[in-house]
N, C-alpha and C. Protein backbone atom coordinates (compact mmCIF):
# COMPACT_ATOMS: atom_id res chain seq x y z
N MET A 1 -136.92 -41.76 -76.50
CA MET A 1 -136.27 -42.63 -75.66
C MET A 1 -135.18 -43.28 -76.34
N THR A 2 -133.86 -43.59 -75.75
CA THR A 2 -132.78 -44.10 -76.36
C THR A 2 -133.04 -45.70 -76.43
N ASN A 3 -132.26 -46.57 -77.20
CA ASN A 3 -132.43 -47.83 -77.30
C ASN A 3 -132.24 -48.31 -75.78
N LYS A 4 -131.09 -47.84 -75.12
CA LYS A 4 -131.04 -48.44 -73.89
C LYS A 4 -132.20 -48.18 -72.80
N GLU A 5 -132.66 -47.07 -72.78
CA GLU A 5 -134.05 -46.70 -72.21
C GLU A 5 -135.10 -47.55 -72.58
N GLN A 6 -135.26 -47.85 -73.70
CA GLN A 6 -136.38 -48.70 -74.10
C GLN A 6 -136.27 -50.23 -73.56
N VAL A 7 -134.89 -50.64 -73.74
CA VAL A 7 -134.82 -52.09 -73.08
C VAL A 7 -134.91 -52.03 -71.69
N ASP A 8 -134.35 -50.76 -70.99
CA ASP A 8 -134.75 -50.86 -69.52
C ASP A 8 -136.20 -51.02 -69.18
N GLU A 9 -136.90 -50.20 -70.02
CA GLU A 9 -138.30 -50.03 -69.66
C GLU A 9 -139.18 -51.34 -69.93
N HIS A 10 -138.69 -51.97 -70.90
CA HIS A 10 -139.18 -53.50 -71.34
C HIS A 10 -138.93 -54.24 -70.13
N ILE A 11 -137.73 -54.41 -69.67
CA ILE A 11 -137.30 -55.35 -68.63
C ILE A 11 -138.08 -55.07 -67.31
N ALA A 12 -138.38 -53.75 -67.18
CA ALA A 12 -139.19 -53.41 -65.86
C ALA A 12 -140.42 -53.97 -66.01
N THR A 13 -140.90 -54.08 -67.21
CA THR A 13 -142.47 -54.63 -67.11
C THR A 13 -142.61 -56.22 -67.18
N LEU A 14 -141.36 -56.83 -67.21
CA LEU A 14 -141.48 -58.26 -67.08
C LEU A 14 -141.78 -58.69 -65.62
N GLU A 15 -142.19 -60.20 -65.61
CA GLU A 15 -142.55 -60.60 -64.50
C GLU A 15 -141.23 -60.68 -63.47
N PRO A 16 -141.39 -60.26 -62.23
CA PRO A 16 -140.33 -60.01 -61.34
C PRO A 16 -139.24 -61.21 -61.54
N SER A 17 -139.82 -62.30 -61.61
CA SER A 17 -138.75 -63.63 -61.48
C SER A 17 -137.89 -63.52 -62.73
N HIS A 18 -138.18 -63.12 -63.99
CA HIS A 18 -137.70 -62.98 -65.12
C HIS A 18 -136.43 -61.68 -65.15
N ARG A 19 -136.81 -60.70 -64.62
CA ARG A 19 -136.03 -59.59 -64.62
C ARG A 19 -134.58 -59.81 -64.43
N PRO A 20 -134.07 -60.57 -63.28
CA PRO A 20 -132.90 -60.59 -62.98
C PRO A 20 -131.98 -61.40 -64.00
N ILE A 21 -132.54 -62.49 -64.66
CA ILE A 21 -131.88 -63.24 -65.55
C ILE A 21 -131.71 -62.56 -66.87
N ILE A 22 -132.90 -61.89 -67.28
CA ILE A 22 -132.92 -61.12 -68.68
C ILE A 22 -131.66 -59.96 -68.35
N GLU A 23 -131.56 -59.40 -67.41
CA GLU A 23 -130.55 -58.29 -67.29
C GLU A 23 -129.13 -58.88 -67.23
N TYR A 24 -129.13 -60.26 -66.56
CA TYR A 24 -127.68 -60.75 -66.42
C TYR A 24 -127.29 -60.99 -68.08
N ILE A 25 -128.43 -61.77 -68.67
CA ILE A 25 -127.99 -62.03 -70.14
C ILE A 25 -127.72 -60.94 -70.95
N ARG A 26 -128.32 -59.86 -70.65
CA ARG A 26 -128.25 -58.54 -71.39
C ARG A 26 -126.81 -58.07 -71.45
N GLN A 27 -126.25 -58.02 -70.02
CA GLN A 27 -124.86 -57.59 -69.62
C GLN A 27 -123.90 -58.55 -70.25
N ALA A 28 -124.19 -59.93 -70.19
CA ALA A 28 -123.26 -60.91 -70.67
C ALA A 28 -123.03 -60.74 -72.39
N ILE A 29 -124.21 -60.36 -73.01
CA ILE A 29 -123.97 -60.08 -74.39
C ILE A 29 -123.35 -58.87 -74.67
N LEU A 30 -123.66 -57.76 -73.87
CA LEU A 30 -123.16 -56.16 -74.24
C LEU A 30 -121.44 -56.55 -74.05
N ILE A 31 -120.99 -57.16 -73.02
CA ILE A 31 -119.62 -57.22 -72.82
C ILE A 31 -118.94 -58.25 -73.86
N THR A 32 -119.73 -58.78 -74.50
CA THR A 32 -118.86 -59.69 -75.31
C THR A 32 -117.96 -59.05 -76.44
N HIS A 33 -118.46 -57.83 -76.90
CA HIS A 33 -117.69 -57.10 -78.01
C HIS A 33 -118.35 -55.63 -77.86
N THR A 34 -117.30 -54.80 -78.14
CA THR A 34 -117.63 -53.37 -78.11
C THR A 34 -118.67 -52.87 -79.08
N GLU A 35 -118.64 -53.55 -80.12
CA GLU A 35 -119.62 -53.11 -81.43
C GLU A 35 -120.92 -53.76 -80.97
N ILE A 36 -121.46 -54.10 -80.11
CA ILE A 36 -122.78 -54.66 -79.98
C ILE A 36 -123.74 -53.77 -79.18
N GLY A 37 -124.85 -53.52 -80.10
CA GLY A 37 -125.81 -52.55 -79.28
C GLY A 37 -127.02 -53.24 -79.17
N GLU A 38 -127.91 -52.44 -78.37
CA GLU A 38 -129.28 -53.42 -77.86
C GLU A 38 -130.34 -52.18 -78.37
N GLN A 39 -131.57 -53.12 -78.62
CA GLN A 39 -132.76 -52.33 -78.90
C GLN A 39 -133.89 -53.26 -78.55
N ILE A 40 -135.13 -52.73 -78.59
CA ILE A 40 -136.41 -53.56 -78.48
C ILE A 40 -136.56 -53.90 -79.90
N LYS A 41 -136.81 -55.18 -80.44
CA LYS A 41 -137.30 -55.58 -81.74
C LYS A 41 -137.89 -56.79 -81.62
N TRP A 42 -139.12 -56.88 -82.24
CA TRP A 42 -139.88 -58.26 -82.23
C TRP A 42 -140.43 -58.19 -80.79
N ASN A 43 -140.67 -57.10 -80.18
CA ASN A 43 -141.27 -56.86 -78.76
C ASN A 43 -140.16 -57.58 -77.72
N SER A 44 -138.96 -57.66 -77.98
CA SER A 44 -138.05 -58.32 -77.03
C SER A 44 -136.69 -57.62 -77.13
N PRO A 45 -136.00 -57.76 -75.98
CA PRO A 45 -134.62 -57.30 -76.28
C PRO A 45 -133.96 -57.83 -77.20
N SER A 46 -133.19 -57.05 -78.08
CA SER A 46 -132.55 -57.70 -79.05
C SER A 46 -131.16 -57.11 -79.06
N PHE A 47 -130.37 -57.75 -79.92
CA PHE A 47 -128.86 -57.35 -79.82
C PHE A 47 -128.20 -57.21 -81.25
N TYR A 48 -127.43 -56.17 -81.56
CA TYR A 48 -126.99 -56.16 -82.96
C TYR A 48 -125.68 -55.50 -83.21
N TYR A 49 -125.06 -55.72 -84.35
CA TYR A 49 -123.53 -55.39 -84.67
C TYR A 49 -123.73 -53.76 -85.04
N THR A 50 -123.04 -52.95 -84.29
CA THR A 50 -122.92 -51.64 -84.68
C THR A 50 -121.87 -51.19 -85.79
N GLY A 51 -121.00 -52.19 -85.97
CA GLY A 51 -119.79 -51.69 -86.72
C GLY A 51 -120.28 -51.56 -88.14
N PRO A 52 -119.07 -51.11 -88.92
CA PRO A 52 -119.41 -51.11 -90.33
C PRO A 52 -119.59 -52.34 -91.12
N LEU A 53 -120.37 -52.40 -92.10
CA LEU A 53 -120.79 -53.56 -92.85
C LEU A 53 -120.90 -53.08 -94.42
N ALA A 54 -120.52 -53.90 -95.37
CA ALA A 54 -120.75 -53.63 -96.86
C ALA A 54 -122.19 -53.65 -97.02
N PRO A 55 -122.68 -52.97 -97.88
CA PRO A 55 -124.17 -52.91 -98.35
C PRO A 55 -124.38 -54.17 -98.54
N PHE A 56 -125.93 -54.52 -97.91
CA PHE A 56 -126.56 -55.92 -97.94
C PHE A 56 -128.02 -55.48 -97.93
N GLU A 57 -128.77 -56.69 -98.36
CA GLU A 57 -130.26 -56.58 -98.49
C GLU A 57 -130.66 -56.77 -97.01
N PRO A 58 -131.36 -55.82 -96.70
CA PRO A 58 -132.17 -55.74 -95.25
C PRO A 58 -132.80 -56.93 -94.60
N LYS A 59 -133.44 -57.79 -95.56
CA LYS A 59 -134.21 -58.77 -95.07
C LYS A 59 -133.20 -60.13 -94.83
N THR A 60 -131.89 -59.96 -94.92
CA THR A 60 -130.80 -60.76 -94.62
C THR A 60 -130.65 -60.64 -93.01
N TYR A 61 -130.90 -59.60 -92.51
CA TYR A 61 -130.84 -59.23 -91.01
C TYR A 61 -129.35 -59.44 -90.51
N LYS A 62 -128.38 -59.08 -91.47
CA LYS A 62 -126.99 -59.41 -91.11
C LYS A 62 -126.63 -58.43 -89.74
N ARG A 63 -127.24 -57.38 -89.49
CA ARG A 63 -126.83 -56.60 -88.24
C ARG A 63 -127.40 -57.46 -86.90
N ASP A 64 -128.39 -58.05 -87.18
CA ASP A 64 -129.03 -58.55 -85.68
C ASP A 64 -128.33 -59.92 -85.42
N LEU A 65 -128.04 -59.99 -84.30
CA LEU A 65 -127.06 -61.03 -83.39
C LEU A 65 -128.06 -61.97 -82.77
N LEU A 66 -129.07 -61.46 -81.95
CA LEU A 66 -129.82 -62.46 -81.16
C LEU A 66 -130.93 -61.61 -80.43
N VAL A 67 -131.93 -62.23 -80.35
CA VAL A 67 -133.28 -61.75 -79.79
C VAL A 67 -133.49 -62.48 -78.50
N CYS A 68 -133.65 -61.88 -77.27
CA CYS A 68 -133.97 -62.59 -76.04
C CYS A 68 -135.38 -62.76 -75.93
N ASN A 69 -136.08 -64.01 -76.04
CA ASN A 69 -137.26 -63.86 -76.18
C ASN A 69 -138.08 -64.92 -75.02
N LEU A 70 -138.99 -64.45 -74.41
CA LEU A 70 -139.61 -65.28 -73.31
C LEU A 70 -140.53 -66.27 -73.94
N HIS A 71 -140.62 -67.42 -73.76
CA HIS A 71 -141.57 -68.26 -74.19
C HIS A 71 -142.05 -69.43 -73.34
N ARG A 72 -143.34 -69.38 -72.76
CA ARG A 72 -143.71 -70.70 -71.91
C ARG A 72 -142.81 -70.84 -70.82
N GLY A 73 -142.45 -69.73 -70.06
CA GLY A 73 -141.47 -69.72 -68.89
C GLY A 73 -139.97 -69.98 -69.47
N LYS A 74 -139.65 -70.05 -70.64
CA LYS A 74 -138.42 -70.42 -70.82
C LYS A 74 -137.65 -69.07 -71.68
N ILE A 75 -136.50 -69.05 -71.69
CA ILE A 75 -135.87 -67.81 -72.44
C ILE A 75 -135.13 -68.46 -73.60
N LEU A 76 -135.60 -68.03 -74.66
CA LEU A 76 -135.14 -68.33 -76.06
C LEU A 76 -134.13 -67.34 -76.52
N LEU A 77 -132.85 -67.96 -76.90
CA LEU A 77 -132.16 -66.92 -77.41
C LEU A 77 -132.01 -67.18 -78.74
N VAL A 78 -132.67 -66.25 -79.55
CA VAL A 78 -132.97 -66.58 -81.01
C VAL A 78 -131.84 -65.75 -81.79
N PHE A 79 -131.21 -66.45 -82.68
CA PHE A 79 -129.86 -66.10 -83.59
C PHE A 79 -130.64 -65.91 -84.91
N PRO A 80 -131.03 -64.98 -85.45
CA PRO A 80 -131.87 -64.80 -86.82
C PRO A 80 -131.28 -65.65 -87.87
N THR A 81 -129.85 -65.58 -88.08
CA THR A 81 -129.23 -66.35 -89.09
C THR A 81 -127.95 -67.07 -88.66
N GLY A 82 -128.22 -67.69 -87.20
CA GLY A 82 -127.15 -68.27 -86.59
C GLY A 82 -126.88 -69.73 -86.94
N GLU A 83 -127.54 -70.26 -87.77
CA GLU A 83 -127.43 -71.71 -88.08
C GLU A 83 -125.93 -71.78 -88.60
N LYS A 84 -125.27 -70.76 -89.13
CA LYS A 84 -124.16 -70.95 -89.77
C LYS A 84 -122.89 -70.94 -88.64
N ILE A 85 -123.21 -70.65 -87.64
CA ILE A 85 -122.12 -71.07 -86.39
C ILE A 85 -122.44 -72.38 -85.62
N ALA A 86 -121.34 -73.07 -85.45
CA ALA A 86 -121.47 -74.16 -84.66
C ALA A 86 -121.53 -73.91 -83.18
N ASP A 87 -122.10 -74.71 -82.42
CA ASP A 87 -122.22 -74.69 -81.12
C ASP A 87 -121.98 -76.23 -80.41
N HIS A 88 -121.83 -76.02 -79.17
CA HIS A 88 -121.63 -77.37 -78.59
C HIS A 88 -122.39 -77.30 -77.25
N ILE A 89 -123.49 -76.40 -77.50
CA ILE A 89 -124.30 -76.51 -76.09
C ILE A 89 -125.97 -76.80 -76.37
N GLY A 90 -126.04 -77.53 -77.62
CA GLY A 90 -127.51 -77.80 -78.05
C GLY A 90 -128.40 -76.86 -78.43
N GLY A 91 -127.66 -76.02 -79.18
CA GLY A 91 -128.53 -75.05 -80.00
C GLY A 91 -129.31 -75.70 -81.14
N LYS A 92 -130.44 -75.58 -81.50
CA LYS A 92 -131.16 -76.10 -82.53
C LYS A 92 -131.25 -75.16 -83.69
N ASN A 93 -131.06 -75.71 -84.83
CA ASN A 93 -131.01 -74.96 -86.20
C ASN A 93 -132.18 -75.17 -86.61
N TYR A 94 -132.84 -74.18 -87.60
CA TYR A 94 -134.05 -74.44 -88.13
C TYR A 94 -133.92 -74.17 -89.71
N PRO A 95 -134.89 -74.58 -90.47
CA PRO A 95 -134.83 -74.54 -91.95
C PRO A 95 -134.67 -73.00 -92.37
N ASP A 96 -135.06 -72.16 -91.60
CA ASP A 96 -135.22 -70.86 -92.17
C ASP A 96 -133.85 -69.94 -91.88
N GLY A 97 -132.99 -70.70 -91.18
CA GLY A 97 -131.54 -70.08 -90.79
C GLY A 97 -131.36 -69.76 -89.35
N ARG A 98 -132.45 -69.68 -88.47
CA ARG A 98 -132.20 -69.32 -87.19
C ARG A 98 -131.61 -70.64 -86.33
N LYS A 99 -130.93 -69.94 -85.30
CA LYS A 99 -130.79 -70.94 -84.33
C LYS A 99 -131.14 -70.53 -83.10
N ILE A 100 -131.95 -71.55 -82.25
CA ILE A 100 -132.24 -71.19 -81.09
C ILE A 100 -131.71 -72.05 -79.86
N ILE A 101 -131.28 -71.06 -78.85
CA ILE A 101 -130.64 -71.91 -77.62
C ILE A 101 -131.65 -71.61 -76.40
N THR A 102 -132.21 -72.67 -76.00
CA THR A 102 -133.04 -72.52 -74.73
C THR A 102 -132.34 -72.25 -73.38
N ILE A 103 -132.86 -71.32 -72.54
CA ILE A 103 -132.36 -71.25 -71.33
C ILE A 103 -133.45 -71.26 -70.31
N VAL A 104 -133.13 -72.20 -69.35
CA VAL A 104 -134.11 -72.49 -68.44
C VAL A 104 -134.18 -71.60 -67.19
N ASP A 105 -132.93 -71.38 -66.87
CA ASP A 105 -132.85 -70.36 -65.51
C ASP A 105 -131.45 -69.81 -65.60
N LEU A 106 -131.11 -69.11 -64.58
CA LEU A 106 -129.93 -68.30 -64.38
C LEU A 106 -128.65 -69.27 -64.53
N ALA A 107 -128.94 -70.35 -63.55
CA ALA A 107 -127.91 -71.40 -63.60
C ALA A 107 -127.45 -71.97 -64.87
N ASP A 108 -128.49 -72.20 -65.72
CA ASP A 108 -128.39 -72.79 -67.04
C ASP A 108 -127.77 -71.77 -67.92
N PHE A 109 -128.02 -70.65 -67.98
CA PHE A 109 -127.36 -69.44 -68.73
C PHE A 109 -125.68 -69.38 -68.11
N LYS A 110 -125.75 -69.47 -67.01
CA LYS A 110 -124.25 -69.37 -66.43
C LYS A 110 -123.38 -70.35 -67.12
N ARG A 111 -123.85 -71.63 -67.11
CA ARG A 111 -123.25 -72.88 -67.52
C ARG A 111 -122.81 -72.64 -69.17
N LYS A 112 -123.81 -71.98 -69.75
CA LYS A 112 -123.71 -71.80 -71.37
C LYS A 112 -122.93 -70.46 -71.69
N GLU A 113 -122.81 -69.64 -70.76
CA GLU A 113 -122.37 -68.28 -70.80
C GLU A 113 -121.24 -68.07 -71.76
N SER A 114 -120.19 -68.71 -71.62
CA SER A 114 -118.91 -68.61 -72.45
C SER A 114 -119.08 -69.15 -73.83
N ALA A 115 -119.77 -70.27 -73.87
CA ALA A 115 -120.15 -70.88 -75.12
C ALA A 115 -121.05 -69.88 -76.16
N ILE A 116 -121.86 -69.28 -75.41
CA ILE A 116 -122.66 -68.27 -76.28
C ILE A 116 -121.92 -66.98 -76.56
N GLN A 117 -121.11 -66.51 -75.88
CA GLN A 117 -120.16 -65.37 -76.14
C GLN A 117 -119.30 -65.84 -77.24
N GLN A 118 -118.69 -67.05 -77.25
CA GLN A 118 -117.98 -67.50 -78.23
C GLN A 118 -118.77 -67.55 -79.63
N ILE A 119 -120.01 -68.02 -79.61
CA ILE A 119 -120.85 -68.07 -80.83
C ILE A 119 -120.89 -66.76 -81.42
N ILE A 120 -121.19 -65.77 -80.70
CA ILE A 120 -121.28 -64.10 -80.96
C ILE A 120 -120.10 -63.75 -81.52
N ARG A 121 -118.90 -64.14 -80.91
CA ARG A 121 -117.58 -63.66 -81.49
C ARG A 121 -117.28 -64.37 -82.76
N GLU A 122 -117.63 -65.55 -82.88
CA GLU A 122 -117.44 -66.20 -84.24
C GLU A 122 -118.31 -65.62 -85.41
N TRP A 123 -119.66 -65.30 -85.00
CA TRP A 123 -120.47 -64.85 -85.85
C TRP A 123 -119.90 -63.20 -86.30
N LEU A 124 -119.31 -62.81 -85.54
CA LEU A 124 -118.84 -61.37 -85.79
C LEU A 124 -117.79 -61.34 -86.72
N LYS A 125 -116.98 -62.40 -86.63
CA LYS A 125 -115.74 -62.46 -87.35
C LYS A 125 -116.16 -62.76 -88.95
N LEU A 126 -117.46 -63.40 -89.15
CA LEU A 126 -118.15 -63.43 -90.43
C LEU A 126 -118.48 -62.17 -91.06
N LEU A 127 -118.84 -61.18 -90.46
CA LEU A 127 -119.13 -59.76 -90.63
C LEU A 127 -118.02 -58.94 -91.06
N GLU A 128 -117.03 -59.15 -90.52
CA GLU A 128 -115.71 -58.35 -90.63
C GLU A 128 -114.98 -58.43 -91.85
């Protein structure tokens, strides 16, 4: 199966109430930049940079942009090394370098959508 097919299959297994919001988030992330790919990683839809990078240590997760994780009825957008990017929407930075933005529902994501896309664009600038 392709990465896209794996993500499609994963979303199809989610609770019906989560499917539309995860699909909306998925599309919003994919249209942010032409060099964003998707896959299932850490048992969740995740997004990564597909463009060229200088050699790097794999454990630094430089290609990984974010993981869309369901946790206790909320959606967590986990940026594995996202603490280096400022945000103005209440993302929480963790000591291990992650940034997590909590999404309560579709309306909440739509309020934060352009700011999340800007975070992704800023992060991609650091990779180029």
